[in-house]
C-alpha cells in the first residue's frame, strides 16, 4: 500500500498567524488533535498539536521543584485568565513544531508507519513535490487499517 491509499486528503490546515485561541477552538470543534500549518501557497511550515497548547510540568532549574511552563515561561496554576489572554494574541507560528518528518503520497505505507511509531508526532503531513500539504496520516488511521475499517 501507498501513503495515498490511507491518508486523509485535503486536511484542515491553519495559517501561521492564526492565534492559539483559534487553534484550540478548531481542535475542540473538529476533535482533531492537531493541524498542519501552511503558508499562503499551502506549503508546509510546521505542525501544531494539542500538546503545544497545554502547560507542561518542568523541573525548576537548580531545584527539585516541578512547576508548569507554557510557551517557555513559568506559569502559576491559578492564572487561567492570563493564559487565555496569551492564547488570544499568540500566533501558532510561535509554538508550532517546525522540524517534522513528512511523507509523500507515493511513499510506501510502511515508511509512514515507522515515522509514526518512532516519533511523538501524531499528525504526519503528506506533501507533494512542491512541499504543499495534500493529506495527513494519524495514528488512528493505522488502527482503522489494522481493524479493517476505513
N, C-alpha and C. Protein backbone atom coordinates (compact mmCIF):
# COMPACT_ATOMS: atom_id res chain seq x y z
N UNK A 1 0.83 -1.18 0.00
CA UNK A 1 0.00 0.00 0.00
C UNK A 1 0.88 1.25 0.00
N UNK A 2 0.32 2.30 -0.52
CA UNK A 2 1.00 3.59 -0.56
C UNK A 2 0.33 4.54 0.43
N UNK A 3 1.05 5.60 0.80
CA UNK A 3 0.53 6.61 1.72
C UNK A 3 -0.80 7.16 1.20
N UNK A 4 -0.90 7.40 -0.12
CA UNK A 4 -2.13 7.97 -0.70
C UNK A 4 -3.36 7.10 -0.45
N UNK A 5 -3.15 5.79 -0.23
CA UNK A 5 -4.27 4.87 -0.01
C UNK A 5 -4.91 5.03 1.37
N UNK A 6 -4.18 5.60 2.31
CA UNK A 6 -4.69 5.70 3.68
C UNK A 6 -4.86 7.14 4.15
N UNK A 7 -4.15 8.07 3.54
CA UNK A 7 -4.18 9.45 4.03
C UNK A 7 -5.56 10.09 3.87
N UNK A 8 -5.83 11.06 4.74
CA UNK A 8 -6.99 11.92 4.59
C UNK A 8 -6.57 13.04 3.66
N UNK A 9 -7.28 13.19 2.54
CA UNK A 9 -6.94 14.22 1.58
C UNK A 9 -7.47 15.58 2.02
N UNK A 10 -6.80 16.62 1.56
CA UNK A 10 -7.21 18.00 1.84
C UNK A 10 -7.54 18.21 3.32
N UNK A 11 -6.57 18.01 4.19
CA UNK A 11 -6.84 18.15 5.62
C UNK A 11 -7.09 19.60 6.02
N UNK A 12 -7.69 19.78 7.18
CA UNK A 12 -7.86 21.10 7.76
C UNK A 12 -6.47 21.63 8.10
N UNK A 13 -6.20 22.87 7.72
CA UNK A 13 -4.89 23.47 7.99
C UNK A 13 -5.09 24.83 8.66
N UNK A 14 -4.03 25.32 9.23
CA UNK A 14 -4.02 26.65 9.84
C UNK A 14 -2.91 27.48 9.18
N UNK A 15 -3.11 28.79 9.16
CA UNK A 15 -2.06 29.69 8.73
C UNK A 15 -1.18 30.03 9.92
N UNK A 16 0.03 30.51 9.68
CA UNK A 16 0.96 30.79 10.77
C UNK A 16 0.51 31.93 11.69
N UNK A 17 -0.35 32.80 11.21
CA UNK A 17 -0.82 33.93 12.01
C UNK A 17 -2.09 33.61 12.80
N UNK A 18 -2.67 32.43 12.59
CA UNK A 18 -3.84 32.03 13.39
C UNK A 18 -3.42 32.05 14.85
N UNK A 19 -4.31 32.49 15.72
CA UNK A 19 -3.96 32.55 17.14
C UNK A 19 -4.09 31.18 17.78
N UNK A 20 -3.49 31.06 18.94
CA UNK A 20 -3.63 29.81 19.69
C UNK A 20 -5.08 29.59 20.08
N UNK A 21 -5.81 30.67 20.32
CA UNK A 21 -7.23 30.54 20.61
C UNK A 21 -7.95 29.90 19.43
N UNK A 22 -7.66 30.37 18.22
CA UNK A 22 -8.28 29.79 17.03
C UNK A 22 -7.91 28.31 16.90
N UNK A 23 -6.66 28.00 17.10
CA UNK A 23 -6.22 26.60 17.00
C UNK A 23 -6.92 25.74 18.04
N UNK A 24 -7.01 26.23 19.28
CA UNK A 24 -7.67 25.46 20.34
C UNK A 24 -9.14 25.25 20.02
N UNK A 25 -9.81 26.30 19.54
CA UNK A 25 -11.24 26.16 19.18
C UNK A 25 -11.42 25.16 18.03
N UNK A 26 -10.53 25.21 17.04
CA UNK A 26 -10.60 24.27 15.92
C UNK A 26 -10.41 22.84 16.39
N UNK A 27 -9.47 22.66 17.31
CA UNK A 27 -9.23 21.32 17.86
C UNK A 27 -10.48 20.81 18.56
N UNK A 28 -11.12 21.66 19.35
CA UNK A 28 -12.33 21.25 20.06
C UNK A 28 -13.50 21.01 19.12
N UNK A 29 -13.65 21.85 18.10
CA UNK A 29 -14.76 21.71 17.15
C UNK A 29 -14.63 20.45 16.30
N UNK A 30 -13.43 20.19 15.81
CA UNK A 30 -13.23 19.08 14.88
C UNK A 30 -12.90 17.76 15.59
N UNK A 31 -12.45 17.88 16.84
CA UNK A 31 -11.99 16.72 17.61
C UNK A 31 -10.71 16.13 17.03
N UNK A 32 -9.98 16.93 16.24
CA UNK A 32 -8.67 16.54 15.75
C UNK A 32 -7.66 16.96 16.81
N UNK A 33 -6.54 16.28 16.88
CA UNK A 33 -5.55 16.61 17.88
C UNK A 33 -4.49 17.59 17.42
N UNK A 34 -4.60 18.05 16.17
CA UNK A 34 -3.62 19.00 15.66
C UNK A 34 -3.81 19.24 14.18
N UNK A 35 -3.04 20.19 13.67
CA UNK A 35 -3.18 20.58 12.27
C UNK A 35 -1.83 20.96 11.67
N UNK A 36 -1.70 20.72 10.36
CA UNK A 36 -0.55 21.29 9.67
C UNK A 36 -0.70 22.82 9.61
N UNK A 37 0.42 23.51 9.66
CA UNK A 37 0.44 24.96 9.50
C UNK A 37 1.09 25.22 8.14
N UNK A 38 0.39 26.00 7.29
CA UNK A 38 0.85 26.21 5.93
C UNK A 38 0.92 27.70 5.60
N UNK A 39 1.74 28.02 4.59
CA UNK A 39 1.81 29.41 4.13
C UNK A 39 0.67 29.68 3.15
N UNK A 40 0.66 30.85 2.56
CA UNK A 40 -0.41 31.24 1.65
C UNK A 40 -0.52 30.38 0.41
N UNK A 41 0.53 29.67 0.06
CA UNK A 41 0.52 28.78 -1.10
C UNK A 41 0.22 27.34 -0.73
N UNK A 42 0.00 27.08 0.56
CA UNK A 42 -0.29 25.72 1.00
C UNK A 42 0.93 24.90 1.33
N UNK A 43 2.10 25.53 1.36
CA UNK A 43 3.33 24.79 1.68
C UNK A 43 3.47 24.63 3.19
N UNK A 44 3.93 23.46 3.57
CA UNK A 44 4.07 23.11 4.98
C UNK A 44 5.12 23.96 5.68
N UNK A 45 4.71 24.57 6.80
CA UNK A 45 5.62 25.32 7.65
C UNK A 45 5.89 24.59 8.96
N UNK A 46 4.88 23.84 9.43
CA UNK A 46 5.01 23.15 10.71
C UNK A 46 3.73 22.43 11.06
N UNK A 47 3.68 21.97 12.28
CA UNK A 47 2.50 21.28 12.82
C UNK A 47 2.25 21.81 14.22
N UNK A 48 0.99 22.04 14.54
CA UNK A 48 0.64 22.40 15.91
C UNK A 48 -0.30 21.30 16.43
N UNK A 49 0.07 20.73 17.57
CA UNK A 49 -0.73 19.69 18.20
C UNK A 49 -1.21 20.18 19.55
N UNK A 50 -2.19 19.51 20.08
CA UNK A 50 -2.76 19.93 21.36
C UNK A 50 -1.69 20.02 22.44
N UNK A 51 -0.66 19.20 22.36
CA UNK A 51 0.40 19.22 23.36
C UNK A 51 1.10 20.58 23.42
N UNK A 52 1.23 21.24 22.29
CA UNK A 52 1.88 22.55 22.27
C UNK A 52 1.01 23.64 22.90
N UNK A 53 -0.26 23.37 23.05
CA UNK A 53 -1.19 24.37 23.59
C UNK A 53 -1.42 24.24 25.09
N UNK A 54 -0.92 23.18 25.68
CA UNK A 54 -1.16 22.94 27.10
C UNK A 54 0.09 23.20 27.93
N UNK A 55 -0.08 23.72 29.14
CA UNK A 55 1.08 23.84 30.03
C UNK A 55 1.64 22.45 30.33
N UNK A 56 2.94 22.38 30.54
CA UNK A 56 3.52 21.08 30.88
C UNK A 56 4.47 21.24 32.06
N UNK A 57 4.54 20.21 32.86
CA UNK A 57 5.40 20.29 34.05
C UNK A 57 6.87 20.24 33.67
N UNK A 58 7.65 21.08 34.32
CA UNK A 58 9.10 21.13 34.10
C UNK A 58 9.78 21.26 35.46
N UNK A 59 10.97 20.77 35.54
CA UNK A 59 11.76 20.96 36.76
C UNK A 59 12.30 22.38 36.78
N UNK A 60 12.12 23.05 37.88
CA UNK A 60 12.67 24.39 38.05
C UNK A 60 14.19 24.24 38.14
N UNK A 61 14.94 25.02 37.34
CA UNK A 61 16.41 24.88 37.37
C UNK A 61 16.97 25.04 38.79
N UNK A 62 17.97 24.23 39.10
CA UNK A 62 18.67 24.27 40.38
C UNK A 62 17.75 23.97 41.56
N UNK A 63 16.75 23.13 41.33
CA UNK A 63 15.78 22.83 42.39
C UNK A 63 15.18 21.46 42.12
N UNK A 64 14.54 20.91 43.13
CA UNK A 64 13.81 19.67 42.90
C UNK A 64 12.31 19.95 42.78
N UNK A 65 11.96 21.21 42.59
CA UNK A 65 10.57 21.63 42.45
C UNK A 65 10.14 21.47 41.00
N UNK A 66 8.91 21.01 40.82
CA UNK A 66 8.34 20.91 39.49
C UNK A 66 7.23 21.94 39.36
N UNK A 67 7.24 22.71 38.28
CA UNK A 67 6.24 23.76 38.07
C UNK A 67 5.74 23.68 36.63
N UNK A 68 4.72 24.47 36.33
CA UNK A 68 4.17 24.48 34.98
C UNK A 68 4.85 25.52 34.12
N UNK A 69 5.06 25.14 32.85
CA UNK A 69 5.64 26.06 31.90
C UNK A 69 4.73 26.10 30.67
N UNK A 70 4.55 27.29 30.11
CA UNK A 70 3.73 27.46 28.92
C UNK A 70 4.43 28.46 28.01
N UNK A 71 4.67 28.04 26.76
CA UNK A 71 5.33 28.89 25.78
C UNK A 71 6.68 29.38 26.30
N UNK A 72 7.37 28.51 27.03
CA UNK A 72 8.71 28.84 27.51
C UNK A 72 8.75 29.71 28.75
N UNK A 73 7.60 29.98 29.38
CA UNK A 73 7.57 30.80 30.59
C UNK A 73 6.92 30.02 31.72
N UNK A 74 7.37 30.31 32.94
CA UNK A 74 6.78 29.68 34.12
C UNK A 74 5.41 30.30 34.38
N UNK A 75 4.43 29.47 34.71
CA UNK A 75 3.09 29.99 34.99
C UNK A 75 2.56 29.41 36.29
N UNK A 76 1.78 30.17 36.96
CA UNK A 76 1.11 29.74 38.18
C UNK A 76 -0.18 29.03 37.77
N UNK A 77 -0.50 27.95 38.44
CA UNK A 77 -1.70 27.20 38.10
C UNK A 77 -2.97 28.04 38.18
N UNK A 78 -2.95 29.12 38.93
CA UNK A 78 -4.15 29.92 39.13
C UNK A 78 -4.28 31.09 38.16
N UNK A 79 -3.53 31.10 37.09
CA UNK A 79 -3.56 32.26 36.19
C UNK A 79 -4.21 31.92 34.84
N UNK A 80 -5.33 31.23 34.88
CA UNK A 80 -6.01 30.85 33.64
C UNK A 80 -6.43 32.05 32.80
N UNK A 81 -6.83 33.14 33.43
CA UNK A 81 -7.23 34.33 32.67
C UNK A 81 -6.07 34.86 31.86
N UNK A 82 -4.88 34.87 32.45
CA UNK A 82 -3.70 35.34 31.72
C UNK A 82 -3.34 34.38 30.60
N UNK A 83 -3.46 33.10 30.84
CA UNK A 83 -3.19 32.11 29.80
C UNK A 83 -4.14 32.34 28.63
N UNK A 84 -5.41 32.58 28.92
CA UNK A 84 -6.37 32.83 27.85
C UNK A 84 -6.00 34.08 27.06
N UNK A 85 -5.56 35.13 27.73
CA UNK A 85 -5.13 36.34 27.04
C UNK A 85 -3.94 36.05 26.11
N UNK A 86 -3.05 35.18 26.57
CA UNK A 86 -1.92 34.80 25.71
C UNK A 86 -2.42 34.03 24.49
N UNK A 87 -3.40 33.16 24.68
CA UNK A 87 -3.97 32.41 23.56
C UNK A 87 -4.54 33.36 22.52
N UNK A 88 -5.14 34.45 22.98
CA UNK A 88 -5.79 35.39 22.07
C UNK A 88 -4.79 36.18 21.23
N UNK A 89 -3.57 36.35 21.71
CA UNK A 89 -2.63 37.20 20.99
C UNK A 89 -1.42 36.45 20.42
N UNK A 90 -1.24 35.21 20.77
CA UNK A 90 -0.06 34.47 20.32
C UNK A 90 -0.37 33.69 19.05
N UNK A 91 0.42 33.89 17.99
CA UNK A 91 0.19 33.13 16.75
C UNK A 91 0.75 31.71 16.87
N UNK A 92 0.16 30.79 16.12
CA UNK A 92 0.62 29.40 16.18
C UNK A 92 2.07 29.26 15.75
N UNK A 93 2.57 30.19 14.91
CA UNK A 93 3.97 30.07 14.49
C UNK A 93 4.93 30.17 15.67
N UNK A 94 4.47 30.73 16.79
CA UNK A 94 5.33 30.86 17.97
C UNK A 94 5.52 29.53 18.70
N UNK A 95 4.62 28.58 18.51
CA UNK A 95 4.71 27.32 19.25
C UNK A 95 4.73 26.08 18.37
N UNK A 96 4.48 26.24 17.07
CA UNK A 96 4.39 25.08 16.19
C UNK A 96 5.74 24.37 16.09
N UNK A 97 5.66 23.10 15.80
CA UNK A 97 6.87 22.32 15.55
C UNK A 97 7.27 22.56 14.09
N UNK A 98 8.53 22.85 13.87
CA UNK A 98 8.97 23.09 12.50
C UNK A 98 9.87 21.98 11.97
N UNK A 99 10.54 21.30 12.85
CA UNK A 99 11.40 20.18 12.44
C UNK A 99 10.56 18.91 12.53
N UNK A 100 9.83 18.64 11.47
CA UNK A 100 8.92 17.49 11.50
C UNK A 100 9.14 16.61 10.27
N UNK A 101 8.99 15.33 10.46
CA UNK A 101 9.07 14.44 9.30
C UNK A 101 7.83 14.61 8.44
N UNK A 102 7.96 14.29 7.20
CA UNK A 102 6.82 14.31 6.29
C UNK A 102 6.99 13.18 5.28
N UNK A 103 5.91 12.80 4.67
CA UNK A 103 5.95 11.76 3.66
C UNK A 103 5.25 12.26 2.40
N UNK A 104 5.42 11.51 1.32
CA UNK A 104 4.81 11.85 0.04
C UNK A 104 3.74 10.81 -0.29
N UNK A 105 2.76 11.16 -1.10
CA UNK A 105 1.66 10.24 -1.40
C UNK A 105 2.12 8.89 -1.96
N UNK A 106 3.22 8.88 -2.70
CA UNK A 106 3.69 7.64 -3.33
C UNK A 106 4.64 6.84 -2.45
N UNK A 107 4.95 7.32 -1.26
CA UNK A 107 5.81 6.57 -0.35
C UNK A 107 5.09 5.32 0.12
N UNK A 108 5.86 4.27 0.41
CA UNK A 108 5.24 3.07 0.97
C UNK A 108 4.62 3.38 2.34
N UNK A 109 3.50 2.76 2.62
CA UNK A 109 2.82 2.99 3.89
C UNK A 109 3.69 2.59 5.07
N UNK A 110 4.54 1.61 4.89
CA UNK A 110 5.45 1.19 5.96
C UNK A 110 6.39 2.30 6.40
N UNK A 111 6.82 3.13 5.47
CA UNK A 111 7.69 4.27 5.81
C UNK A 111 6.95 5.22 6.75
N UNK A 112 5.69 5.51 6.44
CA UNK A 112 4.88 6.41 7.28
C UNK A 112 4.64 5.78 8.65
N UNK A 113 4.35 4.50 8.69
CA UNK A 113 4.11 3.82 9.96
C UNK A 113 5.36 3.88 10.84
N UNK A 114 6.52 3.70 10.25
CA UNK A 114 7.77 3.78 11.02
C UNK A 114 7.92 5.15 11.65
N UNK A 115 7.63 6.21 10.89
CA UNK A 115 7.73 7.57 11.43
C UNK A 115 6.78 7.75 12.60
N UNK A 116 5.54 7.29 12.43
CA UNK A 116 4.53 7.44 13.48
C UNK A 116 4.93 6.68 14.73
N UNK A 117 5.53 5.51 14.56
CA UNK A 117 5.90 4.68 15.71
C UNK A 117 7.18 5.13 16.40
N UNK A 118 8.04 5.86 15.70
CA UNK A 118 9.33 6.22 16.28
C UNK A 118 9.44 7.69 16.67
N UNK A 119 8.37 8.45 16.53
CA UNK A 119 8.36 9.85 16.95
C UNK A 119 7.13 10.11 17.81
N UNK A 120 7.08 11.27 18.41
CA UNK A 120 5.88 11.62 19.17
C UNK A 120 4.91 12.44 18.33
N UNK A 121 5.15 12.50 17.03
CA UNK A 121 4.27 13.22 16.12
C UNK A 121 3.04 12.36 15.84
N UNK A 122 1.88 12.90 16.17
CA UNK A 122 0.64 12.14 15.98
C UNK A 122 -0.09 12.50 14.68
N UNK A 123 0.38 13.54 14.00
CA UNK A 123 -0.25 14.01 12.76
C UNK A 123 0.85 14.18 11.72
N UNK A 124 0.96 13.22 10.84
CA UNK A 124 2.05 13.17 9.88
C UNK A 124 1.60 13.82 8.57
N UNK A 125 2.18 14.96 8.22
CA UNK A 125 1.79 15.63 6.98
C UNK A 125 2.24 14.85 5.74
N UNK A 126 1.40 14.89 4.73
CA UNK A 126 1.72 14.32 3.43
C UNK A 126 1.84 15.50 2.47
N UNK A 127 2.99 15.63 1.83
CA UNK A 127 3.24 16.76 0.94
C UNK A 127 3.56 16.28 -0.48
N UNK A 128 3.26 17.16 -1.45
CA UNK A 128 3.60 16.85 -2.84
C UNK A 128 5.04 17.29 -3.12
N UNK A 129 5.44 17.22 -4.38
CA UNK A 129 6.81 17.56 -4.76
C UNK A 129 7.17 19.01 -4.43
N UNK A 130 6.19 19.89 -4.39
CA UNK A 130 6.43 21.30 -4.12
C UNK A 130 6.36 21.64 -2.64
N UNK A 131 6.11 20.64 -1.80
CA UNK A 131 6.02 20.88 -0.36
C UNK A 131 4.64 21.32 0.10
N UNK A 132 3.64 21.23 -0.79
CA UNK A 132 2.27 21.61 -0.42
C UNK A 132 1.57 20.44 0.28
N UNK A 133 0.83 20.75 1.32
CA UNK A 133 0.12 19.72 2.07
C UNK A 133 -1.05 19.19 1.24
N UNK A 134 -1.03 17.89 0.99
CA UNK A 134 -2.10 17.26 0.21
C UNK A 134 -2.87 16.23 1.04
N UNK A 135 -2.35 15.91 2.22
CA UNK A 135 -3.01 14.93 3.06
C UNK A 135 -2.38 14.87 4.43
N UNK A 136 -2.96 14.01 5.25
CA UNK A 136 -2.44 13.81 6.60
C UNK A 136 -2.70 12.37 7.01
N UNK A 137 -1.80 11.82 7.79
CA UNK A 137 -1.96 10.49 8.38
C UNK A 137 -1.89 10.63 9.89
N UNK A 138 -2.74 9.88 10.58
CA UNK A 138 -2.72 9.89 12.04
C UNK A 138 -2.54 8.46 12.54
N UNK A 139 -2.25 8.35 13.80
CA UNK A 139 -2.14 7.03 14.40
C UNK A 139 -3.47 6.27 14.30
N UNK A 140 -4.55 7.00 14.41
CA UNK A 140 -5.87 6.37 14.29
C UNK A 140 -6.10 5.77 12.91
N UNK A 141 -5.53 6.40 11.88
CA UNK A 141 -5.66 5.85 10.53
C UNK A 141 -5.06 4.44 10.47
N UNK A 142 -3.93 4.26 11.13
CA UNK A 142 -3.30 2.94 11.13
C UNK A 142 -4.11 1.94 11.94
N UNK A 143 -4.72 2.38 13.05
CA UNK A 143 -5.59 1.49 13.81
C UNK A 143 -6.79 1.05 12.98
N UNK A 144 -7.38 1.97 12.25
CA UNK A 144 -8.52 1.63 11.38
C UNK A 144 -8.09 0.60 10.33
N UNK A 145 -6.90 0.79 9.78
CA UNK A 145 -6.39 -0.15 8.78
C UNK A 145 -6.24 -1.53 9.38
N UNK A 146 -5.65 -1.60 10.57
CA UNK A 146 -5.45 -2.89 11.25
C UNK A 146 -6.78 -3.58 11.51
N UNK A 147 -7.79 -2.79 11.90
CA UNK A 147 -9.10 -3.35 12.19
C UNK A 147 -9.95 -3.58 10.94
N UNK A 148 -9.41 -3.22 9.77
CA UNK A 148 -10.13 -3.44 8.53
C UNK A 148 -11.24 -2.44 8.28
N UNK A 149 -11.13 -1.26 8.89
CA UNK A 149 -12.15 -0.21 8.71
C UNK A 149 -11.51 0.98 8.02
N UNK A 150 -12.27 1.65 7.21
CA UNK A 150 -11.75 2.87 6.58
C UNK A 150 -12.64 4.03 6.84
